[in-house]
Amino acid sequence: MRHRKAGVKLNRTASHRSAMFRNMVTSLLKHERIQTTHAKAREVRRWADHIITLAKRGDLHARRQALSILREKDVVYKIFDTAGERFGALNGGYTRVIRIGRRPGDAAPISIVELVGPHEGKKGRRVKKKKKGAAEPQASAVPATAAAGEEPAAAEGAPAEHAETPDEPVQKSPSAAAAEDGPVLASTDDPSDGTPDPVSGADESPAAVDARGEKPDTEK
């Protein structure tokens, strides 16, 4: 009876089996992925989870226990330095096994054993991080001028309605301009050639017109 006998024999002796799994778990922690048969892959997961649990504990006794299993000191230092940050949120399940087919020749099932990436849980699910602080409020689509009661400026290219145009000078007729300028006084430097007046048609000479523009009284 095999009571309290964990693990598989794999048709090997105890010393052969122990040496083989020590080499395999060292390679797995060093390269983070190895390819082997499915039966060995399931067994090497137990060894890898035990080493990572020791690394998360991190004390001197745990380091010595890991050194008694792993073949390389550099791998022990690496896993003890990164295990707390990488696997601190996980309670087991530090590795995964992926079937990739069968081996040519004896058709043995082949699998890949790899370490779970950072921030990943079991079955490849990512652990959601809590967002720090409240979400920032979205900016309002209405500009500040519209909120204050002012009319927003017209968009470029749009026709402006009720646009104010600069005052243009109003063309006035000659009669209106003369009325605004006041009465026009007659010039005192009229020529004495005796030409008829274009308005009245009378033949008036400078002698008949005094300096104030009035005719002399000839009846006196």
Protein backbone atom coordinates (compact mmCIF):
# COMPACT_ATOMS: atom_id res chain seq x y z
CA MET A 1 0.00 0.00 0.00
CA ARG A 2 1.19 3.53 -0.82
CA HIS A 3 -0.36 5.37 2.07
CA ARG A 4 1.09 8.90 2.54
CA LYS A 5 3.26 8.45 -0.54
CA ALA A 6 2.80 11.63 -2.58
CA GLY A 7 4.11 12.06 -6.10
CA VAL A 8 4.66 9.78 -9.04
CA LYS A 9 7.35 7.14 -9.59
CA LEU A 10 7.77 7.58 -13.37
CA ASN A 11 9.56 4.21 -13.47
CA ARG A 12 12.63 5.74 -11.80
CA THR A 13 14.44 5.28 -8.54
CA ALA A 14 14.04 7.81 -5.74
CA SER A 15 17.50 9.32 -6.22
CA HIS A 16 17.04 9.56 -10.02
CA ARG A 17 13.62 11.10 -9.64
CA SER A 18 14.82 13.63 -7.02
CA ALA A 19 17.81 14.71 -9.11
CA MET A 20 15.63 15.06 -12.22
CA PHE A 21 13.05 17.31 -10.53
CA ARG A 22 15.73 19.43 -8.87
CA ASN A 23 17.19 20.14 -12.30
CA MET A 24 13.77 20.81 -13.81
CA VAL A 25 12.61 23.24 -11.12
CA THR A 26 15.92 25.10 -11.32
CA SER A 27 15.49 25.50 -15.09
CA LEU A 28 11.87 26.58 -14.66
CA LEU A 29 12.71 29.35 -12.17
CA LYS A 30 15.69 30.44 -14.26
CA HIS A 31 14.04 30.59 -17.70
CA GLU A 32 10.41 30.88 -16.47
CA ARG A 33 9.26 28.27 -19.03
CA ILE A 34 10.20 24.68 -19.88
CA GLN A 35 8.76 21.96 -22.12
CA THR A 36 8.35 18.37 -20.91
CA THR A 37 5.87 15.52 -20.80
CA HIS A 38 2.51 16.17 -19.19
CA ALA A 39 3.14 13.78 -16.25
CA LYS A 40 6.43 15.50 -15.38
CA ALA A 41 4.88 18.94 -15.86
CA ARG A 42 2.20 18.25 -13.28
CA GLU A 43 4.79 17.02 -10.78
CA VAL A 44 7.26 19.86 -11.27
CA ARG A 45 4.49 22.33 -10.43
CA ARG A 46 4.49 21.01 -6.85
CA TRP A 47 8.22 21.63 -6.53
CA ALA A 48 7.99 25.15 -8.02
CA ASP A 49 5.10 26.19 -5.78
CA HIS A 50 7.05 24.99 -2.73
CA ILE A 51 10.12 27.05 -3.70
CA ILE A 52 8.06 30.21 -4.36
CA THR A 53 6.30 29.83 -1.02
CA LEU A 54 9.70 29.73 0.69
CA ALA A 55 10.79 32.79 -1.29
CA LYS A 56 7.70 34.74 -0.22
CA ARG A 57 8.50 33.93 3.41
CA GLY A 58 12.00 35.29 2.83
CA ASP A 59 13.75 34.47 6.13
CA LEU A 60 17.15 32.81 6.52
CA HIS A 61 15.78 29.34 7.20
CA ALA A 62 13.61 29.51 4.06
CA ARG A 63 16.64 30.57 2.01
CA ARG A 64 18.64 27.58 3.29
CA GLN A 65 15.79 25.21 2.50
CA ALA A 66 15.65 26.56 -1.07
CA LEU A 67 19.44 26.19 -1.43
CA SER A 68 19.10 22.53 -0.50
CA ILE A 69 16.80 21.98 -3.50
CA LEU A 70 17.93 24.33 -6.26
CA ARG A 71 21.18 23.77 -8.10
CA GLU A 72 22.25 27.39 -8.63
CA LYS A 73 22.68 30.12 -6.04
CA ASP A 74 21.89 32.87 -8.57
CA VAL A 75 18.45 31.39 -9.13
CA VAL A 76 17.81 31.41 -5.36
CA TYR A 77 18.82 35.06 -5.08
CA LYS A 78 16.64 35.99 -8.10
CA ILE A 79 13.48 34.26 -6.86
CA PHE A 80 13.86 35.58 -3.31
CA ASP A 81 14.28 39.15 -4.58
CA THR A 82 11.26 39.13 -6.92
CA ALA A 83 8.79 36.70 -5.34
CA GLY A 84 7.30 39.17 -2.86
CA GLU A 85 6.49 41.77 -5.55
CA ARG A 86 5.50 39.33 -8.28
CA PHE A 87 3.48 36.75 -6.33
CA GLY A 88 2.52 38.73 -3.23
CA ALA A 89 -1.16 38.99 -4.28
CA LEU A 90 -1.48 35.24 -5.00
CA ASN A 91 -2.06 32.40 -2.56
CA GLY A 92 -0.85 29.49 -4.67
CA GLY A 93 -1.17 28.80 -8.37
CA TYR A 94 2.17 30.35 -9.30
CA THR A 95 2.57 28.21 -12.43
CA ARG A 96 0.40 27.00 -15.32
CA VAL A 97 0.51 23.93 -17.57
CA ILE A 98 -0.40 24.22 -21.27
CA ARG A 99 -0.87 21.16 -23.48
CA ILE A 100 0.77 21.52 -26.91
CA GLY A 101 0.26 18.09 -28.48
CA ARG A 102 2.07 14.78 -28.63
CA ARG A 103 5.72 13.91 -29.04
CA PRO A 104 6.70 12.28 -32.35
CA GLY A 105 7.90 8.72 -31.91
CA ASP A 106 6.11 7.48 -28.78
CA ALA A 107 3.14 9.93 -28.94
CA ALA A 108 3.65 11.01 -25.32
CA PRO A 109 1.58 14.11 -24.40
CA ILE A 110 3.78 17.23 -24.29
CA SER A 111 3.07 20.31 -22.16
CA ILE A 112 4.67 23.64 -21.33
CA VAL A 113 5.14 24.71 -17.72
CA GLU A 114 5.55 28.46 -17.13
CA LEU A 115 5.40 30.95 -14.30
CA VAL A 116 2.35 33.16 -14.00
CA GLY A 117 3.08 36.74 -15.09
CA PRO A 118 2.79 39.72 -12.78
CA HIS A 119 -0.75 40.87 -11.86
CA GLU A 120 -2.25 37.58 -13.07
CA GLY A 121 -4.40 35.22 -11.08
CA LYS A 122 -5.47 31.67 -11.69
CA LYS A 123 -6.50 30.58 -15.20
CA GLY A 124 -4.72 33.56 -16.72
CA ARG A 125 -7.11 36.16 -15.31
CA ARG A 126 -5.61 39.53 -14.54
CA VAL A 127 -6.04 40.96 -11.09
CA LYS A 128 -7.86 44.30 -11.24
CA LYS A 129 -6.14 47.17 -9.52
CA LYS A 130 -8.11 49.65 -7.50
CA LYS A 131 -8.14 53.12 -8.93
CA LYS A 132 -6.63 55.75 -6.71
CA GLY A 133 -8.80 58.83 -6.18
CA ALA A 134 -12.10 59.73 -7.71
CA ALA A 135 -12.56 60.11 -11.42
CA GLU A 136 -12.07 63.60 -12.77
CA PRO A 137 -15.32 65.30 -13.86
CA GLN A 138 -15.72 65.70 -17.55
CA ALA A 139 -15.46 69.20 -18.93
CA SER A 140 -18.77 70.77 -19.89
CA ALA A 141 -19.42 71.19 -23.59
CA VAL A 142 -20.93 74.67 -23.01
CA PRO A 143 -18.26 77.38 -22.95
CA ALA A 144 -17.83 79.59 -19.93
CA THR A 145 -19.18 82.64 -21.72
CA ALA A 146 -22.46 80.86 -22.49
CA ALA A 147 -22.77 79.74 -18.87
CA ALA A 148 -22.33 83.33 -17.70
CA GLY A 149 -25.19 84.51 -19.94
CA GLU A 150 -23.11 85.90 -22.79
CA GLU A 151 -23.75 84.91 -26.36
CA PRO A 152 -21.06 82.67 -27.82
CA ALA A 153 -19.10 83.93 -30.77
CA ALA A 154 -20.25 82.85 -34.22
CA ALA A 155 -18.41 79.94 -35.78
CA GLU A 156 -15.90 80.61 -38.48
CA GLY A 157 -17.42 80.48 -41.95
CA ALA A 158 -21.00 80.89 -40.71
CA PRO A 159 -22.98 83.92 -41.98
CA ALA A 160 -23.11 86.64 -39.38
CA GLU A 161 -26.62 87.78 -38.51
CA HIS A 162 -27.33 91.37 -37.45
CA ALA A 163 -23.69 92.24 -37.85
CA GLU A 164 -22.84 95.83 -37.19
CA THR A 165 -21.38 97.65 -40.23
CA PRO A 166 -19.29 100.81 -40.00
CA ASP A 167 -21.07 104.08 -40.74
CA GLU A 168 -20.66 105.04 -44.38
CA PRO A 169 -20.79 108.67 -45.53
CA VAL A 170 -24.19 109.60 -46.96
CA GLN A 171 -24.08 111.31 -50.33
CA LYS A 172 -26.10 114.52 -50.23
CA SER A 173 -27.57 116.48 -53.10
CA PRO A 174 -26.09 119.91 -53.94
CA SER A 175 -29.27 121.68 -52.81
CA ALA A 176 -29.25 119.95 -49.43
CA ALA A 177 -25.56 120.72 -48.98
CA ALA A 178 -26.21 124.38 -49.82
CA ALA A 179 -29.07 124.53 -47.32
CA GLU A 180 -26.88 123.17 -44.56
CA ASP A 181 -23.98 125.52 -45.38
CA GLY A 182 -26.23 128.64 -45.18
CA PRO A 183 -26.90 131.46 -47.75
CA VAL A 184 -24.27 132.04 -50.38
CA LEU A 185 -23.14 135.66 -50.63
CA ALA A 186 -22.52 137.26 -54.02
CA SER A 187 -18.92 137.88 -54.93
CA THR A 188 -17.70 141.46 -55.27
CA ASP A 189 -15.11 140.58 -57.91
CA ASP A 190 -17.57 140.05 -60.79
CA PRO A 191 -16.14 140.93 -64.21
CA SER A 192 -17.39 144.06 -65.93
CA ASP A 193 -17.92 142.56 -69.35
CA GLY A 194 -21.69 143.14 -69.18
CA THR A 195 -22.72 139.49 -69.74
CA PRO A 196 -26.33 138.72 -68.90
CA ASP A 197 -27.13 137.02 -65.60
CA PRO A 198 -27.88 133.32 -66.27
CA VAL A 199 -30.56 133.27 -63.61
CA SER A 200 -32.57 136.47 -64.15
CA GLY A 201 -31.57 137.10 -67.72
CA ALA A 202 -31.21 140.90 -67.05
CA ASP A 203 -28.32 142.92 -68.37
CA GLU A 204 -26.73 144.31 -65.29
CA SER A 205 -23.35 145.96 -65.18
CA PRO A 206 -21.12 146.50 -62.18
CA ALA A 207 -21.97 150.16 -62.29
CA ALA A 208 -25.62 149.41 -61.71
CA VAL A 209 -24.86 147.19 -58.74
CA ASP A 210 -23.43 148.68 -55.63
CA ALA A 211 -21.04 147.04 -53.27
CA ARG A 212 -23.89 145.42 -51.28
CA GLY A 213 -25.41 143.78 -54.40
CA GLU A 214 -28.45 146.09 -54.57
CA LYS A 215 -29.55 148.24 -57.52
CA PRO A 216 -29.31 152.06 -57.07
CA ASP A 217 -32.51 154.02 -56.91
CA THR A 218 -32.57 155.93 -60.23
CA GLU A 219 -35.87 157.67 -59.61
CA LYS A 220 -34.42 159.91 -56.93
